[in-house]
Protein backbone atom coordinates (compact mmCIF):
# COMPACT_ATOMS: atom_id res chain seq x y z
CA MET A 1 -31.08 6.10 -0.09
CA ASP A 2 -29.25 5.77 3.13
CA ARG A 3 -25.53 7.56 2.91
CA PRO A 4 -22.74 5.11 3.37
CA PRO A 5 -21.26 5.38 6.81
CA THR A 6 -17.89 7.47 6.91
CA VAL A 7 -13.98 6.02 8.28
CA THR A 8 -11.57 7.81 8.55
CA ALA A 9 -8.50 5.41 8.17
CA VAL A 10 -5.45 6.15 10.64
CA VAL A 11 -2.19 5.43 8.72
CA LEU A 12 1.27 5.71 10.28
CA ALA A 13 4.49 6.05 8.10
CA TYR A 14 7.85 5.33 9.32
CA GLY A 15 11.05 4.19 7.60
CA PRO A 16 10.87 3.05 4.17
CA GLU A 17 7.18 2.23 3.72
CA PRO A 18 7.14 0.52 0.50
CA LEU A 19 3.63 -0.38 0.14
CA LEU A 20 2.76 3.07 2.02
CA GLU A 21 0.87 4.65 -1.46
CA GLU A 22 -0.58 0.92 -2.38
CA CYS A 23 -2.26 1.18 1.45
CA VAL A 24 -3.63 4.54 1.04
CA THR A 25 -5.02 3.65 -2.64
CA ALA A 26 -6.77 0.71 -1.46
CA VAL A 27 -8.45 2.52 1.48
CA LEU A 28 -9.66 5.38 -0.90
CA ALA A 29 -11.12 2.79 -3.04
CA SER A 30 -12.85 1.02 -0.47
CA THR A 31 -16.53 0.26 -1.58
CA GLY A 32 -19.57 0.72 0.81
CA VAL A 33 -18.10 3.65 2.75
CA ARG A 34 -17.18 7.01 2.31
CA GLY A 35 -13.53 6.97 3.59
CA ASP A 36 -10.54 9.16 3.98
CA VAL A 37 -7.02 9.01 5.44
CA VAL A 38 -5.30 10.74 7.85
CA LEU A 39 -1.54 9.84 7.07
CA VAL A 40 0.78 10.63 10.24
CA ASP A 41 4.51 10.78 9.30
CA ASN A 42 6.38 9.51 12.18
CA GLY A 43 9.55 9.54 10.26
CA CYS A 44 9.19 8.29 6.61
CA THR A 45 12.39 7.73 4.78
CA THR A 46 11.35 7.76 1.41
CA THR A 47 9.53 10.63 -0.71
CA ALA A 48 6.25 8.34 -0.59
CA VAL A 49 4.30 10.57 1.72
CA ASP A 50 5.46 13.85 -0.35
CA ARG A 51 3.86 11.95 -3.19
CA LEU A 52 0.40 11.33 -1.28
CA ASP A 53 0.56 14.72 0.53
CA GLY A 54 -2.32 16.81 -1.56
CA ARG A 55 -4.24 13.57 -3.05
CA PRO A 56 -7.92 14.38 -2.43
CA GLY A 57 -9.10 12.72 0.65
CA VAL A 58 -5.69 12.57 2.47
CA THR A 59 -4.84 14.80 5.31
CA VAL A 60 -0.99 14.31 6.26
CA LEU A 61 0.17 15.04 9.78
CA ARG A 62 3.85 16.04 10.24
CA PRO A 63 4.76 16.09 14.21
CA GLY A 64 8.49 16.39 13.30
CA ARG A 65 9.53 13.39 15.42
CA ASN A 66 8.50 9.61 16.21
CA THR A 67 5.58 9.70 18.19
CA GLY A 68 5.64 6.08 18.31
CA PHE A 69 2.37 3.75 17.07
CA ALA A 70 0.26 5.07 20.25
CA GLY A 71 0.97 8.68 20.22
CA GLY A 72 0.59 8.70 16.14
CA CYS A 73 -2.53 6.94 16.12
CA ASN A 74 -3.85 8.95 18.85
CA LEU A 75 -2.38 12.24 17.19
CA GLY A 76 -4.25 10.94 13.80
CA ALA A 77 -7.41 9.98 14.96
CA ALA A 78 -7.82 13.28 17.00
CA HIS A 79 -7.79 14.95 13.43
CA ALA A 80 -10.71 11.99 11.98
CA THR A 81 -13.76 13.20 10.92
CA GLY A 82 -15.59 9.83 10.13
CA ASP A 83 -18.07 8.14 12.38
CA VAL A 84 -15.53 5.33 12.22
CA VAL A 85 -12.07 5.31 13.02
CA ALA A 86 -9.78 2.50 11.28
CA LEU A 87 -6.18 1.87 12.06
CA VAL A 88 -4.52 0.44 9.30
CA ASN A 89 -0.83 0.00 8.91
CA GLY A 90 1.26 1.57 6.09
CA ASP A 91 2.47 -1.84 5.17
CA ALA A 92 -0.89 -3.43 4.81
CA VAL A 93 -3.69 -3.00 2.09
CA VAL A 94 -7.31 -3.55 2.81
CA ALA A 95 -9.94 -5.66 0.36
CA PRO A 96 -12.30 -3.24 -1.41
CA GLU A 97 -15.40 -4.12 1.00
CA ALA A 98 -12.85 -4.87 4.35
CA LEU A 99 -13.70 -1.35 6.05
CA ALA A 100 -17.17 -1.53 5.49
CA ARG A 101 -17.32 -5.02 6.80
CA LEU A 102 -15.67 -3.45 10.06
CA THR A 103 -18.06 -0.86 10.24
CA ALA A 104 -21.08 -3.27 9.92
CA ALA A 105 -19.63 -5.54 12.76
CA LEU A 106 -19.72 -2.63 15.00
CA ASP A 107 -23.54 -2.62 14.82
CA GLY A 108 -23.17 -5.48 17.06
CA PRO A 109 -24.62 -5.84 20.57
CA ARG A 110 -21.87 -3.98 22.71
CA VAL A 111 -19.19 -4.21 20.16
CA GLY A 112 -16.41 -1.81 20.90
CA LEU A 113 -13.55 -3.05 18.32
CA ALA A 114 -13.94 -4.83 15.14
CA SER A 115 -10.61 -6.79 14.36
CA GLY A 116 -9.90 -7.59 10.36
CA SER A 117 -8.74 -10.74 8.96
CA LEU A 118 -5.10 -10.05 8.49
CA ARG A 119 -3.32 -12.08 5.90
CA LEU A 120 0.14 -12.66 4.83
CA HIS A 121 0.68 -10.10 1.77
CA ASP A 122 2.68 -12.77 -0.08
CA ARG A 123 0.67 -15.70 1.33
CA PRO A 124 -2.84 -14.38 1.04
CA GLU A 125 -3.94 -17.90 1.84
CA LEU A 126 -2.52 -17.90 5.46
CA MET A 127 -3.33 -15.82 8.29
CA ASN A 128 -1.04 -13.34 9.92
CA SER A 129 -3.53 -12.47 12.82
CA ALA A 130 -7.20 -13.61 13.09
CA GLY A 131 -7.19 -11.44 16.32
CA ASN A 132 -4.49 -11.67 19.17
CA PRO A 133 -4.53 -14.12 22.13
CA VAL A 134 -3.27 -12.51 25.51
CA HIS A 135 -1.90 -14.93 28.08
CA TYR A 136 -2.63 -14.01 31.85
CA LEU A 137 0.94 -13.13 32.38
CA GLY A 138 0.65 -10.45 29.81
CA ILE A 139 2.38 -11.95 26.60
CA SER A 140 0.30 -11.20 23.80
CA TRP A 141 0.96 -12.64 19.75
CA ALA A 142 -0.63 -12.76 16.38
CA GLY A 143 -3.25 -15.24 16.82
CA GLY A 144 -3.35 -17.98 13.66
CA LEU A 145 -0.01 -17.38 12.48
CA GLY A 146 0.61 -19.27 9.42
CA ASP A 147 -2.70 -20.86 9.46
CA ALA A 148 -5.02 -21.65 6.55
CA ALA A 149 -7.33 -18.63 6.42
CA THR A 150 -10.24 -21.16 6.03
CA ASP A 151 -9.55 -22.35 9.59
CA HIS A 152 -10.76 -18.85 10.59
CA ALA A 153 -13.68 -18.37 8.60
CA LEU A 154 -16.07 -17.42 11.23
CA PRO A 155 -16.72 -14.52 13.29
CA ALA A 156 -15.18 -14.61 17.19
CA GLU A 157 -14.61 -12.87 20.09
CA VAL A 158 -11.46 -12.32 20.67
CA ALA A 159 -9.16 -11.06 23.95
CA SER A 160 -7.32 -8.67 21.75
CA ALA A 161 -7.76 -6.72 18.27
CA THR A 162 -4.76 -6.70 16.22
CA GLY A 163 -3.64 -2.88 15.75
CA ALA A 164 -2.66 -3.47 12.15
CA ALA A 165 -6.61 -3.44 11.03
CA VAL A 166 -8.90 -2.72 13.33
CA ALA A 167 -11.79 -0.28 13.47
CA VAL A 168 -13.86 1.56 16.36
CA ARG A 169 -16.56 3.89 16.75
CA ARG A 170 -14.93 7.65 17.25
CA GLU A 171 -17.03 8.04 20.05
CA VAL A 172 -16.00 4.95 21.44
CA TRP A 173 -12.37 5.80 20.94
CA GLN A 174 -12.73 9.25 22.51
CA ARG A 175 -14.50 7.48 25.51
CA LEU A 176 -11.46 5.02 26.05
CA GLY A 177 -8.82 7.71 25.53
CA GLY A 178 -7.34 6.18 22.74
CA PHE A 179 -4.17 4.21 23.34
CA TRP A 180 -1.94 4.93 26.44
CA GLU A 181 0.79 7.06 24.87
CA GLU A 182 3.42 6.05 27.48
CA MET A 183 3.57 2.50 25.76
CA PHE A 184 4.84 4.22 22.84
CA ALA A 185 5.14 0.79 20.74
CA TYR A 186 3.94 -2.97 21.28
CA CYS A 187 1.03 -4.23 23.37
CA GLU A 188 -1.21 -1.19 23.11
CA ASP A 189 -3.55 -2.92 21.17
CA ALA A 190 -3.91 -5.61 23.97
CA GLU A 191 -4.08 -2.89 26.43
CA LEU A 192 -6.54 -1.13 24.69
CA SER A 193 -8.56 -4.24 23.82
CA LEU A 194 -8.55 -5.25 27.62
CA ARG A 195 -9.86 -1.87 28.71
CA CYS A 196 -12.74 -2.28 26.27
CA TRP A 197 -13.71 -5.70 27.78
CA GLN A 198 -13.59 -3.80 30.94
CA ARG A 199 -15.84 -1.45 30.10
CA GLY A 200 -18.58 -4.01 28.95
CA LEU A 201 -17.72 -3.84 25.38
CA ARG A 202 -16.75 -6.59 23.07
CA VAL A 203 -13.93 -7.12 20.62
CA VAL A 204 -14.85 -9.24 17.50
CA TYR A 205 -12.56 -10.80 14.56
CA VAL A 206 -14.45 -10.33 11.44
CA PRO A 207 -13.31 -13.18 9.07
CA ASP A 208 -14.62 -11.60 5.95
CA ALA A 209 -12.76 -8.50 6.46
CA VAL A 210 -9.68 -9.13 4.46
CA VAL A 211 -6.48 -7.08 4.81
CA LEU A 212 -3.04 -8.20 3.50
CA HIS A 213 0.01 -7.39 5.85
CA ARG A 214 3.45 -7.38 4.90
CA TYR A 215 4.37 -9.25 8.27
CA GLU A 216 7.96 -9.58 9.29
CA PHE A 217 8.87 -11.22 12.69
CA SER A 218 11.93 -9.40 14.15
CA ARG A 219 13.67 -9.00 17.39
CA ASN A 220 15.83 -6.07 18.55
CA PRO A 221 16.99 -4.91 21.73
CA LEU A 222 14.48 -1.64 21.65
CA LYS A 223 11.72 -3.78 20.79
CA MET A 224 12.50 -6.30 23.41
CA TYR A 225 12.83 -3.57 25.82
CA LEU A 226 8.96 -2.01 24.92
CA LEU A 227 7.26 -5.49 24.78
CA GLU A 228 8.60 -6.53 28.56
CA ARG A 229 8.02 -2.98 29.85
CA ASN A 230 4.82 -2.55 28.40
CA ARG A 231 3.59 -6.21 29.51
CA LEU A 232 4.57 -5.26 32.86
CA LEU A 233 2.78 -1.77 32.64
CA MET A 234 -0.78 -3.76 31.38
CA LEU A 235 -0.31 -5.86 34.39
CA LEU A 236 0.08 -3.48 36.84
CA THR A 237 -2.55 -1.26 35.88
CA LEU A 238 -5.14 -3.60 34.24
CA TYR A 239 -5.54 -6.13 36.92
CA GLU A 240 -7.57 -5.65 39.97
CA ARG A 241 -5.24 -5.80 43.24
CA ARG A 242 -6.45 -9.72 44.15
CA THR A 243 -5.55 -10.85 40.83
CA LEU A 244 -1.77 -9.11 41.07
CA LEU A 245 -1.75 -11.05 44.37
CA LEU A 246 -2.52 -14.48 43.19
CA LEU A 247 -0.23 -13.99 39.87
CA GLY A 248 2.76 -12.89 41.85
CA PRO A 249 4.45 -16.31 42.04
CA ALA A 250 4.05 -17.11 38.63
CA LEU A 251 4.92 -13.55 37.54
CA LEU A 252 8.25 -13.44 39.50
CA GLY A 253 8.68 -16.74 37.90
CA LEU A 254 8.54 -15.61 34.25
CA GLU A 255 10.70 -12.23 35.33
CA LEU A 256 13.54 -14.59 35.89
CA ALA A 257 13.09 -16.72 33.16
CA VAL A 258 13.00 -14.02 30.66
CA LEU A 259 16.06 -12.23 32.32
CA LEU A 260 17.90 -15.87 31.53
CA VAL A 261 16.71 -15.56 28.28
CA ALA A 262 17.83 -12.28 27.64
CA LEU A 263 21.38 -12.83 29.28
CA ARG A 264 22.01 -15.87 26.75
CA GLN A 265 20.56 -13.74 23.60
CA GLY A 266 22.07 -10.14 24.66
CA TRP A 267 19.43 -7.85 25.75
CA ALA A 268 19.16 -8.18 29.53
CA ARG A 269 20.29 -4.58 29.91
CA GLN A 270 16.92 -3.63 28.34
CA LYS A 271 14.93 -6.27 30.26
CA VAL A 272 16.88 -4.42 33.24
CA ARG A 273 15.99 -1.09 31.91
CA GLY A 274 12.39 -1.60 31.47
CA TRP A 275 12.32 -2.67 35.29
CA TRP A 276 14.24 0.65 36.19
CA TRP A 277 11.31 2.57 34.07
CA LEU A 278 8.61 1.15 36.17
CA LEU A 279 10.64 2.26 39.52
CA ARG A 280 11.64 5.66 38.70
CA HIS A 281 7.74 6.25 36.86
CA GLY A 282 6.09 4.61 39.85
CA SER A 283 3.96 7.36 40.75
CA ASP A 284 2.76 7.59 36.86
CA VAL A 285 2.11 4.07 36.87
CA ARG A 286 -0.28 4.20 40.04
CA ARG A 287 -2.13 7.41 38.62
CA ARG A 288 -2.82 5.41 35.52
CA ARG A 289 -4.11 2.34 37.37
CA ALA A 290 -6.37 4.54 39.72
CA GLU A 291 -7.93 5.85 36.44
CA VAL A 292 -8.38 2.58 34.85
CA GLN A 293 -9.70 1.02 37.78
CA ALA A 294 -12.14 3.53 38.24
CA ALA A 295 -13.46 3.37 34.92
CA ARG A 296 -13.45 -0.02 34.67
CA THR A 297 -17.33 -1.94 35.35
CA VAL A 298 -16.61 -5.65 34.53
CA PRO A 299 -14.26 -7.72 37.31
CA ASP A 300 -11.26 -9.99 36.85
CA ARG A 301 -13.49 -12.93 37.45
CA GLU A 302 -15.60 -12.30 34.47
CA LEU A 303 -12.97 -11.63 32.41
CA ALA A 304 -10.42 -14.32 33.18
CA ARG A 305 -12.32 -16.51 30.29
CA LEU A 306 -10.84 -14.44 27.48
CA LEU A 307 -6.73 -15.17 28.80
CA THR A 308 -5.06 -18.03 27.75
CA ALA A 309 -2.65 -20.00 29.78
CA GLY A 310 -0.89 -21.92 26.69
CA PHE A 311 1.55 -20.18 24.40
CA ASP A 312 1.15 -20.81 21.02
CA PRO A 313 2.82 -18.17 18.29
CA GLY A 314 2.91 -20.32 15.48
CA ALA A 315 6.09 -21.97 13.78
CA ASP A 316 6.50 -18.58 12.00
CA ALA A 317 7.28 -16.32 14.77
CA GLY A 318 10.25 -18.90 15.89
CA VAL A 319 9.39 -18.74 19.19
CA SER A 320 7.97 -21.65 21.70
CA ALA A 321 7.47 -22.71 25.27
CA PRO A 322 8.75 -26.08 26.63
CA ALA A 323 5.75 -28.46 27.32
CA ALA A 324 6.48 -28.85 30.75
CA LEU A 325 6.06 -25.09 30.98
CA THR A 326 2.86 -24.82 29.30
CA ALA A 327 1.33 -27.77 31.27
CA GLY A 328 2.59 -25.88 34.47
CA SER A 329 1.05 -22.35 33.46
CA ARG A 330 -2.25 -24.11 32.79
CA ALA A 331 -2.79 -25.83 36.05
CA TYR A 332 -1.62 -22.92 37.79
CA TRP A 333 -4.19 -20.45 35.75
CA ALA A 334 -6.82 -23.13 36.76
CA VAL A 335 -6.38 -22.48 40.42
CA VAL A 336 -6.31 -18.79 40.21
CA ARG A 337 -9.44 -18.67 38.13
CA ARG A 338 -11.02 -20.74 40.90
CA LEU A 339 -9.76 -18.46 43.40
CA LEU A 340 -10.79 -15.63 41.45
CA ALA A 341 -14.41 -16.69 41.04
C-alpha cells in the first residue's frame, strides 16, 4: 500500500492568536497525509505557543524577534521535513481533507502553488479568498471576498495564491528561494506567485481544500507603508524593462492619486517613507531585479493575461474605485497588452 504524502505545515504566531491551538490541532488531524507542524513564534502574546511546545508532531522555533510573515515562513520552511510545505495562518483552521487535496493538486501539469478555498470563519458559506487577483499596477486583494462559496466551486488558474492557505512541493519552494524576506509582510504571496508563473509553473485554486479563516480587514500606517512599498518592489523587480516603460504614465498617475488619498487619511508620511526606502536601497533592488530576470523563462507578454485592469475587492473590504477610473485603467491596459504582443 502506498504511504500517504508527507506535509509540513508552517504556522506563524504573532500577537494574541486566539485560534492557534485549534489551527495546529486541525493540521495534525488531517486525513490522507502524514502531517506535522513547524510553529514559528514571531511574538505571540499569549501562552498558546508554550502549551503547544512539546506536543507530538509540533516543532517550535523561537527566533527572538518578529521576522515578519516572509521571514517567518522562510524560517519554518527551512526546518520542514515533508515532501510538501503548506503555509497555514495561525488564525485559520483546515478541514480534515484540505491538505490532502492541496497536495493532490500539486500533481497537476506544471503546478507550482496550490491555493486553498479560504472561507470566512464565522460564515463558512462565504468566501475569504478564491485566489487573489493582481492588478497590472501591483495591487492585489482577496479574490471573491464575501461571495457565496458555491460561486467558486470549480478549479481554476489564479494570478496569485493566498499566503493564508497554500501548498508547494518543498523542492519547488527551495528552487524559488521562498519569499523575498525584504518584503517583511504583505504582497509576498503575490510576488512569489508571479515568480512561479515566470518560471513556467502554474498557480491553481483548489475549491475542495476548505480552510476557515478569522479574517479581519484593517488599515494602519505600518500596513499601508508596507503595502505601498512592496507593491513598487514587485513592479520594479518582476516586470521587464519594456513593460515598465509602457506602464510609466499610469504608474505615475497612481502614485499621485495614492498620495492624495494618504494625505486625506493621515498616512502620507508612510507613503513618502516607502519612496525614500526605495531610493536608499536602490542597489539592493537592482540586484534583486537582475536575479529575478535572469531566472525567468516566460516573458511578460505571455503573462499579461493573468493580470487584471479592474479593481473589485468586494464590499467587505470597504474600498472601491470610481467607475471612470476603472474604465480608463481597462483601456490603458488594453493598449499596453497590444504593444507587448
